[in-house]
Protein backbone atom coordinates (compact mmCIF):
# COMPACT_ATOMS: atom_id res chain seq x y z
CA MET A 1 -2.66 -1.63 17.94
CA ASP A 2 0.64 0.17 17.58
CA PRO A 3 0.45 3.19 15.19
CA ASP A 4 3.71 1.95 13.63
CA ASP A 5 1.78 -1.08 12.37
CA ILE A 6 -0.44 1.09 10.17
CA LEU A 7 0.44 2.42 6.73
CA TYR A 8 -1.54 5.57 5.89
CA PHE A 9 -2.36 6.65 2.33
CA GLU A 10 -3.98 9.84 1.11
CA SER A 11 -4.50 10.80 -2.53
CA ASP A 12 -6.23 13.58 -4.43
CA ARG A 13 -7.88 10.88 -6.55
CA LEU A 14 -9.94 7.83 -5.63
CA VAL A 15 -7.72 4.75 -5.25
CA ARG A 16 -9.33 1.70 -6.83
CA GLU A 17 -6.65 -0.86 -5.93
CA ILE A 18 -3.41 -1.16 -4.01
CA LYS A 19 -0.85 -3.94 -4.29
CA ILE A 20 2.22 -4.34 -2.10
CA PHE A 21 5.15 -6.51 -3.19
CA ASP A 22 8.21 -7.75 -1.31
CA VAL A 23 11.76 -7.37 -2.67
CA ASN A 24 11.39 -10.67 -4.54
CA GLY A 25 8.31 -9.42 -6.39
CA HIS A 26 5.84 -11.56 -4.42
CA LEU A 27 2.45 -10.00 -3.77
CA VAL A 28 2.03 -9.61 0.01
CA HIS A 29 -1.07 -7.39 0.07
CA ASN A 30 -3.90 -6.59 -2.32
CA SER A 31 -6.97 -4.53 -1.50
CA VAL A 32 -9.63 -2.35 -3.08
CA PRO A 33 -10.01 0.71 -0.85
CA GLY A 34 -12.36 2.70 -3.12
CA SER A 35 -11.50 5.96 -1.38
CA LYS A 36 -8.99 8.80 -1.34
CA LYS A 37 -7.80 8.14 2.21
CA PHE A 38 -7.24 4.71 3.76
CA GLU A 39 -5.08 2.63 6.09
CA ILE A 40 -3.39 -0.75 5.77
CA ASN A 41 -2.34 -2.90 8.70
CA ILE A 42 1.28 -3.95 8.08
CA GLN A 43 1.81 -5.75 11.39
CA SER A 44 2.36 -9.07 9.60
CA LEU A 45 5.14 -7.70 7.35
CA THR A 46 8.73 -8.43 8.36
CA GLN A 47 11.44 -5.77 8.39
CA SER A 48 12.28 -5.14 4.76
CA VAL A 49 11.69 -2.88 1.78
CA TYR A 50 8.34 -3.20 0.02
CA PHE A 51 7.03 -1.71 -3.20
CA TYR A 52 3.48 -0.55 -3.79
CA GLN A 53 1.33 0.14 -6.82
CA LEU A 54 -1.78 2.29 -6.52
CA LYS A 55 -4.35 2.25 -9.30
CA THR A 56 -6.45 5.41 -9.39
CA GLU A 57 -10.00 5.96 -10.62
CA ASP A 58 -8.63 7.08 -14.01
CA ASN A 59 -6.43 3.92 -14.27
CA GLU A 60 -3.19 5.77 -13.56
CA ILE A 61 -0.60 3.59 -11.78
CA LEU A 62 1.38 5.28 -9.00
CA LYS A 63 4.40 3.46 -7.59
CA GLY A 64 6.43 3.87 -4.46
CA ARG A 65 8.47 2.19 -1.76
CA VAL A 66 7.91 1.53 1.93
CA ILE A 67 10.56 0.55 4.45
CA VAL A 68 9.25 -1.50 7.38
CA LEU A 69 11.48 -1.31 10.46
């Protein structure tokens, strides 16, 4: 597998859930890593901008953006 097909996350807090949305707001990935460090295979995502929401162990929501080339 190509390393470019992997999205790496690392947090100082346990991540309970991650959701990734496309530019139209459609959910394209949802998982429950249950750890502070994890990987997501993004090979199936087309070139675009995606938005993620991480939910931490203390229910804080962290948001960000990923550009897939």
